[in-house]
Protein backbone atom coordinates (compact mmCIF):
# COMPACT_ATOMS: atom_id res chain seq x y z
CA UNK A 1 0.00 0.00 0.00
CA UNK A 2 1.34 3.41 -0.93
CA UNK A 3 1.70 5.90 1.88
CA UNK A 4 2.62 9.53 2.11
CA UNK A 5 5.78 8.65 4.05
CA UNK A 6 7.08 6.17 1.47
CA UNK A 7 10.51 7.56 0.58
CA UNK A 8 11.63 4.70 -1.68
CA UNK A 9 11.22 6.88 -4.76
CA UNK A 10 13.84 9.32 -3.42
CA UNK A 11 16.53 6.64 -3.76
CA UNK A 12 16.50 7.24 -7.51
CA UNK A 13 17.45 10.88 -6.99
CA UNK A 14 20.49 10.21 -4.77
CA UNK A 15 23.04 10.56 -7.62
CA UNK A 16 21.56 13.91 -8.65
CA UNK A 17 21.54 15.10 -5.05
CA UNK A 18 25.15 13.96 -4.51
CA UNK A 19 26.23 15.66 -7.75
CA UNK A 20 24.74 19.03 -6.85
CA UNK A 21 25.82 18.84 -3.20
CA UNK A 22 29.46 18.12 -4.08
CA UNK A 23 29.41 20.68 -6.90
CA UNK A 24 28.11 23.47 -4.67
CA UNK A 25 30.29 22.67 -1.64
CA UNK A 26 33.54 22.28 -3.60
CA UNK A 27 32.85 25.38 -5.69
CA UNK A 28 32.05 27.42 -2.57
CA UNK A 29 35.23 26.21 -0.84
CA UNK A 30 37.38 27.03 -3.87
CA UNK A 31 35.80 30.48 -4.18
CA UNK A 32 36.14 31.20 -0.46
CA UNK A 33 39.78 30.11 -0.23
CA UNK A 34 40.71 31.89 -3.51
CA UNK A 35 42.56 28.78 -4.65
CA UNK A 36 42.68 30.07 -8.24
CA UNK A 37 42.41 33.79 -7.77
CA UNK A 38 40.08 35.58 -10.11
CA UNK A 39 39.33 32.54 -12.29
CA UNK A 40 35.82 31.35 -11.46
CA UNK A 41 35.66 29.07 -14.48
CA UNK A 42 38.59 26.95 -13.25
CA UNK A 43 36.95 26.68 -9.83
CA UNK A 44 33.68 25.60 -11.44
CA UNK A 45 35.49 23.11 -13.68
CA UNK A 46 37.30 21.51 -10.73
CA UNK A 47 34.05 21.34 -8.76
CA UNK A 48 32.26 19.81 -11.75
CA UNK A 49 34.94 17.14 -12.26
CA UNK A 50 34.90 16.21 -8.57
CA UNK A 51 31.09 16.06 -8.57
CA UNK A 52 31.15 13.72 -11.57
CA UNK A 53 33.76 11.53 -9.84
CA UNK A 54 31.58 11.34 -6.73
CA UNK A 55 28.65 10.18 -8.88
CA UNK A 56 30.71 7.69 -10.88
CA UNK A 57 32.31 5.99 -7.85
CA UNK A 58 29.40 4.33 -6.02
CA UNK A 59 31.23 4.09 -2.68
CA UNK A 60 31.78 7.84 -2.56
CA UNK A 61 28.10 8.41 -3.31
CA UNK A 62 27.24 6.10 -0.43
CA UNK A 63 29.55 8.01 1.92
CA UNK A 64 27.87 11.30 0.98
CA UNK A 65 24.40 9.74 1.25
CA UNK A 66 25.21 8.38 4.74
CA UNK A 67 26.88 11.54 6.05
CA UNK A 68 24.42 14.13 4.75
CA UNK A 69 21.53 13.39 7.16
CA UNK A 70 23.90 13.58 10.12
CA UNK A 71 25.18 16.96 8.97
CA UNK A 72 21.59 18.17 8.62
CA UNK A 73 20.95 17.08 12.22
CA UNK A 74 24.16 18.84 13.34
CA UNK A 75 23.13 22.02 11.50
CA UNK A 76 19.63 21.95 13.01
CA UNK A 77 21.06 21.37 16.49
CA UNK A 78 23.41 24.35 16.11
CA UNK A 79 20.59 26.49 14.73
CA UNK A 80 18.32 25.62 17.66
CA UNK A 81 21.17 26.23 20.10
CA UNK A 82 21.80 29.68 18.63
CA UNK A 83 18.08 30.48 18.69
CA UNK A 84 17.90 29.41 22.33
CA UNK A 85 20.69 31.80 23.26
CA UNK A 86 19.07 34.60 21.27
CA UNK A 87 15.71 34.00 22.96
CA UNK A 88 17.41 34.14 26.35
CA UNK A 89 18.66 37.64 25.59
CA UNK A 90 22.24 37.10 24.51
CA UNK A 91 23.52 39.83 22.20
CA UNK A 92 23.52 38.63 18.55
CA UNK A 93 27.01 40.09 18.07
CA UNK A 94 28.30 37.89 20.90
CA UNK A 95 26.79 34.80 19.26
CA UNK A 96 28.29 35.86 15.95
CA UNK A 97 31.73 36.31 17.55
CA UNK A 98 31.60 32.82 19.04
CA UNK A 99 30.99 31.19 15.66
CA UNK A 100 33.17 33.49 13.55
CA UNK A 101 36.47 32.36 15.04
CA UNK A 102 36.43 34.15 18.35
CA UNK A 103 36.12 30.85 20.19
CA UNK A 104 38.32 28.07 18.83
CA UNK A 105 36.74 25.51 21.17
CA UNK A 106 33.47 25.68 19.25
CA UNK A 107 35.30 25.45 15.94
CA UNK A 108 37.30 22.40 17.00
CA UNK A 109 34.20 20.76 18.49
CA UNK A 110 32.41 21.12 15.14
CA UNK A 111 35.47 19.80 13.29
CA UNK A 112 35.73 16.77 15.59
CA UNK A 113 32.02 16.02 15.26
CA UNK A 114 32.33 16.34 11.47
CA UNK A 115 35.29 13.95 11.42
CA UNK A 116 33.31 11.51 13.55
CA UNK A 117 30.41 11.68 11.08
CA UNK A 118 32.75 11.02 8.15
CA UNK A 119 34.46 8.24 10.12
CA UNK A 120 31.09 6.58 10.69
CA UNK A 121 30.17 6.89 7.00
CA UNK A 122 33.53 5.52 5.84
CA UNK A 123 33.36 2.54 8.19
CA UNK A 124 29.85 1.75 7.00
CA UNK A 125 30.92 1.84 3.34
CA UNK A 126 34.49 0.53 3.52
CA UNK A 127 34.23 -1.63 6.66
CA UNK A 128 34.03 -4.93 4.80
CA UNK A 129 37.05 -4.04 2.65
CA UNK A 130 39.08 -3.17 5.75
CA UNK A 131 37.92 -6.36 7.42
CA UNK A 132 39.03 -8.38 4.39
CA UNK A 133 42.47 -6.78 4.58
CA UNK A 134 42.84 -7.52 8.28
CA UNK A 135 40.97 -10.85 8.36
CA UNK A 136 43.99 -13.08 8.48
CA UNK A 137 45.39 -15.60 6.11
CA UNK A 138 44.44 -16.04 2.48
CA UNK A 139 43.24 -19.25 0.82
CA UNK A 140 46.73 -20.63 0.28
CA UNK A 141 47.49 -20.55 3.99
CA UNK A 142 50.03 -17.73 3.93
CA UNK A 143 49.04 -14.12 4.35
CA UNK A 144 50.08 -11.68 1.66
CA UNK A 145 51.76 -8.32 2.19
CA UNK A 146 48.54 -6.25 2.18
CA UNK A 147 46.99 -8.44 4.89
CA UNK A 148 50.15 -8.28 7.01
CA UNK A 149 50.29 -4.49 6.79
CA UNK A 150 46.56 -4.27 7.49
CA UNK A 151 46.89 -6.48 10.56
CA UNK A 152 49.69 -4.29 11.87
CA UNK A 153 48.00 -0.94 11.20
CA UNK A 154 44.57 -1.87 12.53
CA UNK A 155 45.57 -3.52 15.80
CA UNK A 156 44.08 -1.89 18.90
CA UNK A 157 47.54 -0.93 20.20
CA UNK A 158 48.45 0.99 17.04
CA UNK A 159 45.02 2.67 16.79
CA UNK A 160 45.19 3.61 20.48
CA UNK A 161 48.66 5.04 20.01
CA UNK A 162 47.46 7.15 17.06
CA UNK A 163 44.53 8.41 19.15
CA UNK A 164 46.79 9.30 22.09
CA UNK A 165 49.29 11.06 19.80
CA UNK A 166 46.44 13.05 18.26
CA UNK A 167 45.13 14.06 21.67
CA UNK A 168 48.65 15.00 22.79
CA UNK A 169 49.23 17.07 19.64
CA UNK A 170 46.01 19.03 20.13
CA UNK A 171 46.74 19.47 23.84
CA UNK A 172 50.17 20.92 23.10
CA UNK A 173 48.69 23.15 20.40
CA UNK A 174 45.96 24.52 22.66
CA UNK A 175 48.20 24.96 25.69
CA UNK A 176 50.90 26.75 23.72
CA UNK A 177 48.53 29.41 22.36
CA UNK A 178 48.69 32.77 24.00
CA UNK A 179 45.53 33.79 25.78
CA UNK A 180 44.64 37.45 25.47
CA UNK A 181 44.43 39.02 28.90
CA UNK A 182 42.25 41.86 30.07
CA UNK A 183 42.94 45.18 28.45
CA UNK A 184 45.14 47.51 30.39
CA UNK A 185 47.42 44.90 31.91
C-alpha atoms as a PDB file:
ATOM      1  CA  UNK A   1       0.000   0.000   0.000  1.00  0.00           C
ATOM      2  CA  UNK A   2       1.342   3.411  -0.932  1.00  0.00           C
ATOM      3  CA  UNK A   3       1.704   5.900   1.884  1.00  0.00           C
ATOM      4  CA  UNK A   4       2.617   9.534   2.107  1.00  0.00           C
ATOM      5  CA  UNK A   5       5.780   8.649   4.050  1.00  0.00           C
ATOM      6  CA  UNK A   6       7.080   6.169   1.470  1.00  0.00           C
ATOM      7  CA  UNK A   7      10.512   7.557   0.577  1.00  0.00           C
ATOM      8  CA  UNK A   8      11.631   4.701  -1.683  1.00  0.00           C
ATOM      9  CA  UNK A   9      11.222   6.883  -4.755  1.00  0.00           C
ATOM     10  CA  UNK A  10      13.837   9.323  -3.419  1.00  0.00           C
ATOM     11  CA  UNK A  11      16.530   6.642  -3.762  1.00  0.00           C
ATOM     12  CA  UNK A  12      16.502   7.244  -7.515  1.00  0.00           C
ATOM     13  CA  UNK A  13      17.449  10.881  -6.989  1.00  0.00           C
ATOM     14  CA  UNK A  14      20.491  10.215  -4.767  1.00  0.00           C
ATOM     15  CA  UNK A  15      23.042  10.556  -7.623  1.00  0.00           C
ATOM     16  CA  UNK A  16      21.561  13.909  -8.654  1.00  0.00           C
ATOM     17  CA  UNK A  17      21.541  15.098  -5.049  1.00  0.00           C
ATOM     18  CA  UNK A  18      25.154  13.958  -4.513  1.00  0.00           C
ATOM     19  CA  UNK A  19      26.233  15.658  -7.748  1.00  0.00           C
ATOM     20  CA  UNK A  20      24.735  19.030  -6.845  1.00  0.00           C
ATOM     21  CA  UNK A  21      25.819  18.839  -3.198  1.00  0.00           C
ATOM     22  CA  UNK A  22      29.456  18.121  -4.079  1.00  0.00           C
ATOM     23  CA  UNK A  23      29.410  20.685  -6.902  1.00  0.00           C
ATOM     24  CA  UNK A  24      28.115  23.474  -4.670  1.00  0.00           C
ATOM     25  CA  UNK A  25      30.288  22.674  -1.641  1.00  0.00           C
ATOM     26  CA  UNK A  26      33.543  22.281  -3.604  1.00  0.00           C
ATOM     27  CA  UNK A  27      32.849  25.380  -5.692  1.00  0.00           C
ATOM     28  CA  UNK A  28      32.048  27.415  -2.568  1.00  0.00           C
ATOM     29  CA  UNK A  29      35.226  26.215  -0.839  1.00  0.00           C
ATOM     30  CA  UNK A  30      37.379  27.033  -3.872  1.00  0.00           C
ATOM     31  CA  UNK A  31      35.801  30.480  -4.178  1.00  0.00           C
ATOM     32  CA  UNK A  32      36.137  31.196  -0.457  1.00  0.00           C
ATOM     33  CA  UNK A  33      39.780  30.113  -0.228  1.00  0.00           C
ATOM     34  CA  UNK A  34      40.708  31.891  -3.507  1.00  0.00           C
ATOM     35  CA  UNK A  35      42.556  28.776  -4.653  1.00  0.00           C
ATOM     36  CA  UNK A  36      42.678  30.070  -8.240  1.00  0.00           C
ATOM     37  CA  UNK A  37      42.413  33.792  -7.768  1.00  0.00           C
ATOM     38  CA  UNK A  38      40.084  35.579 -10.115  1.00  0.00           C
ATOM     39  CA  UNK A  39      39.329  32.536 -12.286  1.00  0.00           C
ATOM     40  CA  UNK A  40      35.825  31.348 -11.456  1.00  0.00           C
ATOM     41  CA  UNK A  41      35.663  29.065 -14.483  1.00  0.00           C
ATOM     42  CA  UNK A  42      38.587  26.949 -13.252  1.00  0.00           C
ATOM     43  CA  UNK A  43      36.954  26.679  -9.826  1.00  0.00           C
ATOM     44  CA  UNK A  44      33.683  25.603 -11.442  1.00  0.00           C
ATOM     45  CA  UNK A  45      35.487  23.113 -13.681  1.00  0.00           C
ATOM     46  CA  UNK A  46      37.298  21.514 -10.734  1.00  0.00           C
ATOM     47  CA  UNK A  47      34.048  21.342  -8.761  1.00  0.00           C
ATOM     48  CA  UNK A  48      32.262  19.807 -11.753  1.00  0.00           C
ATOM     49  CA  UNK A  49      34.938  17.138 -12.263  1.00  0.00           C
ATOM     50  CA  UNK A  50      34.902  16.214  -8.571  1.00  0.00           C
ATOM     51  CA  UNK A  51      31.090  16.060  -8.572  1.00  0.00           C
ATOM     52  CA  UNK A  52      31.154  13.725 -11.575  1.00  0.00           C
ATOM     53  CA  UNK A  53      33.755  11.533  -9.842  1.00  0.00           C
ATOM     54  CA  UNK A  54      31.581  11.340  -6.734  1.00  0.00           C
ATOM     55  CA  UNK A  55      28.654  10.182  -8.879  1.00  0.00           C
ATOM     56  CA  UNK A  56      30.712   7.685 -10.882  1.00  0.00           C
ATOM     57  CA  UNK A  57      32.305   5.993  -7.847  1.00  0.00           C
ATOM     58  CA  UNK A  58      29.397   4.325  -6.019  1.00  0.00           C
ATOM     59  CA  UNK A  59      31.228   4.088  -2.678  1.00  0.00           C
ATOM     60  CA  UNK A  60      31.779   7.843  -2.563  1.00  0.00           C
ATOM     61  CA  UNK A  61      28.099   8.410  -3.314  1.00  0.00           C
ATOM     62  CA  UNK A  62      27.235   6.097  -0.428  1.00  0.00           C
ATOM     63  CA  UNK A  63      29.547   8.011   1.919  1.00  0.00           C
ATOM     64  CA  UNK A  64      27.872  11.304   0.981  1.00  0.00           C
ATOM     65  CA  UNK A  65      24.404   9.739   1.255  1.00  0.00           C
ATOM     66  CA  UNK A  66      25.209   8.383   4.737  1.00  0.00           C
ATOM     67  CA  UNK A  67      26.883  11.541   6.047  1.00  0.00           C
ATOM     68  CA  UNK A  68      24.418  14.127   4.753  1.00  0.00           C
ATOM     69  CA  UNK A  69      21.526  13.388   7.159  1.00  0.00           C
ATOM     70  CA  UNK A  70      23.904  13.575  10.115  1.00  0.00           C
ATOM     71  CA  UNK A  71      25.184  16.963   8.971  1.00  0.00           C
ATOM     72  CA  UNK A  72      21.593  18.169   8.619  1.00  0.00           C
ATOM     73  CA  UNK A  73      20.950  17.079  12.217  1.00  0.00           C
ATOM     74  CA  UNK A  74      24.156  18.840  13.343  1.00  0.00           C
ATOM     75  CA  UNK A  75      23.131  22.022  11.502  1.00  0.00           C
ATOM     76  CA  UNK A  76      19.634  21.946  13.008  1.00  0.00           C
ATOM     77  CA  UNK A  77      21.060  21.374  16.487  1.00  0.00           C
ATOM     78  CA  UNK A  78      23.411  24.352  16.109  1.00  0.00           C
ATOM     79  CA  UNK A  79      20.593  26.489  14.734  1.00  0.00           C
ATOM     80  CA  UNK A  80      18.318  25.617  17.659  1.00  0.00           C
ATOM     81  CA  UNK A  81      21.168  26.231  20.097  1.00  0.00           C
ATOM     82  CA  UNK A  82      21.802  29.679  18.625  1.00  0.00           C
ATOM     83  CA  UNK A  83      18.083  30.482  18.691  1.00  0.00           C
ATOM     84  CA  UNK A  84      17.902  29.407  22.332  1.00  0.00           C
ATOM     85  CA  UNK A  85      20.695  31.795  23.256  1.00  0.00           C
ATOM     86  CA  UNK A  86      19.073  34.600  21.268  1.00  0.00           C
ATOM     87  CA  UNK A  87      15.712  34.001  22.957  1.00  0.00           C
ATOM     88  CA  UNK A  88      17.412  34.136  26.352  1.00  0.00           C
ATOM     89  CA  UNK A  89      18.657  37.642  25.589  1.00  0.00           C
ATOM     90  CA  UNK A  90      22.245  37.104  24.512  1.00  0.00           C
ATOM     91  CA  UNK A  91      23.516  39.830  22.205  1.00  0.00           C
ATOM     92  CA  UNK A  92      23.516  38.635  18.547  1.00  0.00           C
ATOM     93  CA  UNK A  93      27.007  40.095  18.068  1.00  0.00           C
ATOM     94  CA  UNK A  94      28.299  37.890  20.896  1.00  0.00           C
ATOM     95  CA  UNK A  95      26.788  34.803  19.260  1.00  0.00           C
ATOM     96  CA  UNK A  96      28.295  35.863  15.945  1.00  0.00           C
ATOM     97  CA  UNK A  97      31.732  36.313  17.549  1.00  0.00           C
ATOM     98  CA  UNK A  98      31.604  32.815  19.043  1.00  0.00           C
ATOM     99  CA  UNK A  99      30.990  31.193  15.658  1.00  0.00           C
ATOM    100  CA  UNK A 100      33.172  33.495  13.555  1.00  0.00           C
ATOM    101  CA  UNK A 101      36.469  32.359  15.039  1.00  0.00           C
ATOM    102  CA  UNK A 102      36.434  34.153  18.354  1.00  0.00           C
ATOM    103  CA  UNK A 103      36.117  30.850  20.188  1.00  0.00           C
ATOM    104  CA  UNK A 104      38.316  28.066  18.826  1.00  0.00           C
ATOM    105  CA  UNK A 105      36.736  25.511  21.169  1.00  0.00           C
ATOM    106  CA  UNK A 106      33.470  25.683  19.252  1.00  0.00           C
ATOM    107  CA  UNK A 107      35.301  25.455  15.937  1.00  0.00           C
ATOM    108  CA  UNK A 108      37.298  22.404  17.001  1.00  0.00           C
ATOM    109  CA  UNK A 109      34.202  20.761  18.485  1.00  0.00           C
ATOM    110  CA  UNK A 110      32.407  21.123  15.141  1.00  0.00           C
ATOM    111  CA  UNK A 111      35.474  19.805  13.288  1.00  0.00           C
ATOM    112  CA  UNK A 112      35.734  16.774  15.593  1.00  0.00           C
ATOM    113  CA  UNK A 113      32.024  16.023  15.258  1.00  0.00           C
ATOM    114  CA  UNK A 114      32.328  16.343  11.466  1.00  0.00           C
ATOM    115  CA  UNK A 115      35.289  13.952  11.418  1.00  0.00           C
ATOM    116  CA  UNK A 116      33.307  11.507  13.555  1.00  0.00           C
ATOM    117  CA  UNK A 117      30.411  11.676  11.077  1.00  0.00           C
ATOM    118  CA  UNK A 118      32.751  11.024   8.150  1.00  0.00           C
ATOM    119  CA  UNK A 119      34.461   8.235  10.116  1.00  0.00           C
ATOM    120  CA  UNK A 120      31.094   6.579  10.690  1.00  0.00           C
ATOM    121  CA  UNK A 121      30.171   6.894   7.004  1.00  0.00           C
ATOM    122  CA  UNK A 122      33.534   5.525   5.841  1.00  0.00           C
ATOM    123  CA  UNK A 123      33.361   2.541   8.192  1.00  0.00           C
ATOM    124  CA  UNK A 124      29.852   1.751   7.002  1.00  0.00           C
ATOM    125  CA  UNK A 125      30.918   1.844   3.341  1.00  0.00           C
ATOM    126  CA  UNK A 126      34.492   0.525   3.517  1.00  0.00           C
ATOM    127  CA  UNK A 127      34.227  -1.626   6.662  1.00  0.00           C
ATOM    128  CA  UNK A 128      34.035  -4.925   4.797  1.00  0.00           C
ATOM    129  CA  UNK A 129      37.053  -4.036   2.651  1.00  0.00           C
ATOM    130  CA  UNK A 130      39.082  -3.165   5.751  1.00  0.00           C
ATOM    131  CA  UNK A 131      37.920  -6.364   7.418  1.00  0.00           C
ATOM    132  CA  UNK A 132      39.027  -8.384   4.390  1.00  0.00           C
ATOM    133  CA  UNK A 133      42.468  -6.778   4.580  1.00  0.00           C
ATOM    134  CA  UNK A 134      42.839  -7.519   8.275  1.00  0.00           C
ATOM    135  CA  UNK A 135      40.967 -10.849   8.358  1.00  0.00           C
ATOM    136  CA  UNK A 136      43.991 -13.079   8.478  1.00  0.00           C
ATOM    137  CA  UNK A 137      45.387 -15.604   6.111  1.00  0.00           C
ATOM    138  CA  UNK A 138      44.443 -16.040   2.484  1.00  0.00           C
ATOM    139  CA  UNK A 139      43.242 -19.251   0.821  1.00  0.00           C
ATOM    140  CA  UNK A 140      46.731 -20.631   0.279  1.00  0.00           C
ATOM    141  CA  UNK A 141      47.494 -20.553   3.995  1.00  0.00           C
ATOM    142  CA  UNK A 142      50.032 -17.730   3.929  1.00  0.00           C
ATOM    143  CA  UNK A 143      49.043 -14.116   4.350  1.00  0.00           C
ATOM    144  CA  UNK A 144      50.083 -11.683   1.656  1.00  0.00           C
ATOM    145  CA  UNK A 145      51.756  -8.316   2.189  1.00  0.00           C
ATOM    146  CA  UNK A 146      48.538  -6.253   2.185  1.00  0.00           C
ATOM    147  CA  UNK A 147      46.992  -8.437   4.891  1.00  0.00           C
ATOM    148  CA  UNK A 148      50.148  -8.277   7.011  1.00  0.00           C
ATOM    149  CA  UNK A 149      50.292  -4.488   6.789  1.00  0.00           C
ATOM    150  CA  UNK A 150      46.558  -4.273   7.489  1.00  0.00           C
ATOM    151  CA  UNK A 151      46.890  -6.485  10.562  1.00  0.00           C
ATOM    152  CA  UNK A 152      49.694  -4.292  11.867  1.00  0.00           C
ATOM    153  CA  UNK A 153      47.997  -0.938  11.200  1.00  0.00           C
ATOM    154  CA  UNK A 154      44.574  -1.872  12.531  1.00  0.00           C
ATOM    155  CA  UNK A 155      45.575  -3.518  15.802  1.00  0.00           C
ATOM    156  CA  UNK A 156      44.081  -1.888  18.902  1.00  0.00           C
ATOM    157  CA  UNK A 157      47.538  -0.931  20.197  1.00  0.00           C
ATOM    158  CA  UNK A 158      48.448   0.987  17.037  1.00  0.00           C
ATOM    159  CA  UNK A 159      45.023   2.669  16.790  1.00  0.00           C
ATOM    160  CA  UNK A 160      45.189   3.605  20.477  1.00  0.00           C
ATOM    161  CA  UNK A 161      48.663   5.041  20.012  1.00  0.00           C
ATOM    162  CA  UNK A 162      47.465   7.155  17.062  1.00  0.00           C
ATOM    163  CA  UNK A 163      44.526   8.409  19.145  1.00  0.00           C
ATOM    164  CA  UNK A 164      46.793   9.303  22.090  1.00  0.00           C
ATOM    165  CA  UNK A 165      49.292  11.056  19.805  1.00  0.00           C
ATOM    166  CA  UNK A 166      46.441  13.051  18.256  1.00  0.00           C
ATOM    167  CA  UNK A 167      45.132  14.065  21.674  1.00  0.00           C
ATOM    168  CA  UNK A 168      48.650  15.003  22.786  1.00  0.00           C
ATOM    169  CA  UNK A 169      49.233  17.073  19.639  1.00  0.00           C
ATOM    170  CA  UNK A 170      46.012  19.031  20.132  1.00  0.00           C
ATOM    171  CA  UNK A 171      46.744  19.466  23.837  1.00  0.00           C
ATOM    172  CA  UNK A 172      50.169  20.918  23.103  1.00  0.00           C
ATOM    173  CA  UNK A 173      48.686  23.154  20.400  1.00  0.00           C
ATOM    174  CA  UNK A 174      45.958  24.524  22.658  1.00  0.00           C
ATOM    175  CA  UNK A 175      48.204  24.957  25.694  1.00  0.00           C
ATOM    176  CA  UNK A 176      50.900  26.752  23.723  1.00  0.00           C
ATOM    177  CA  UNK A 177      48.535  29.406  22.363  1.00  0.00           C
ATOM    178  CA  UNK A 178      48.692  32.772  24.005  1.00  0.00           C
ATOM    179  CA  UNK A 179      45.533  33.795  25.781  1.00  0.00           C
ATOM    180  CA  UNK A 180      44.644  37.454  25.468  1.00  0.00           C
ATOM    181  CA  UNK A 181      44.426  39.015  28.898  1.00  0.00           C
ATOM    182  CA  UNK A 182      42.246  41.856  30.074  1.00  0.00           C
ATOM    183  CA  UNK A 183      42.936  45.178  28.451  1.00  0.00           C
ATOM    184  CA  UNK A 184      45.138  47.514  30.393  1.00  0.00           C
ATOM    185  CA  UNK A 185      47.421  44.898  31.910  1.00  0.00           C
END
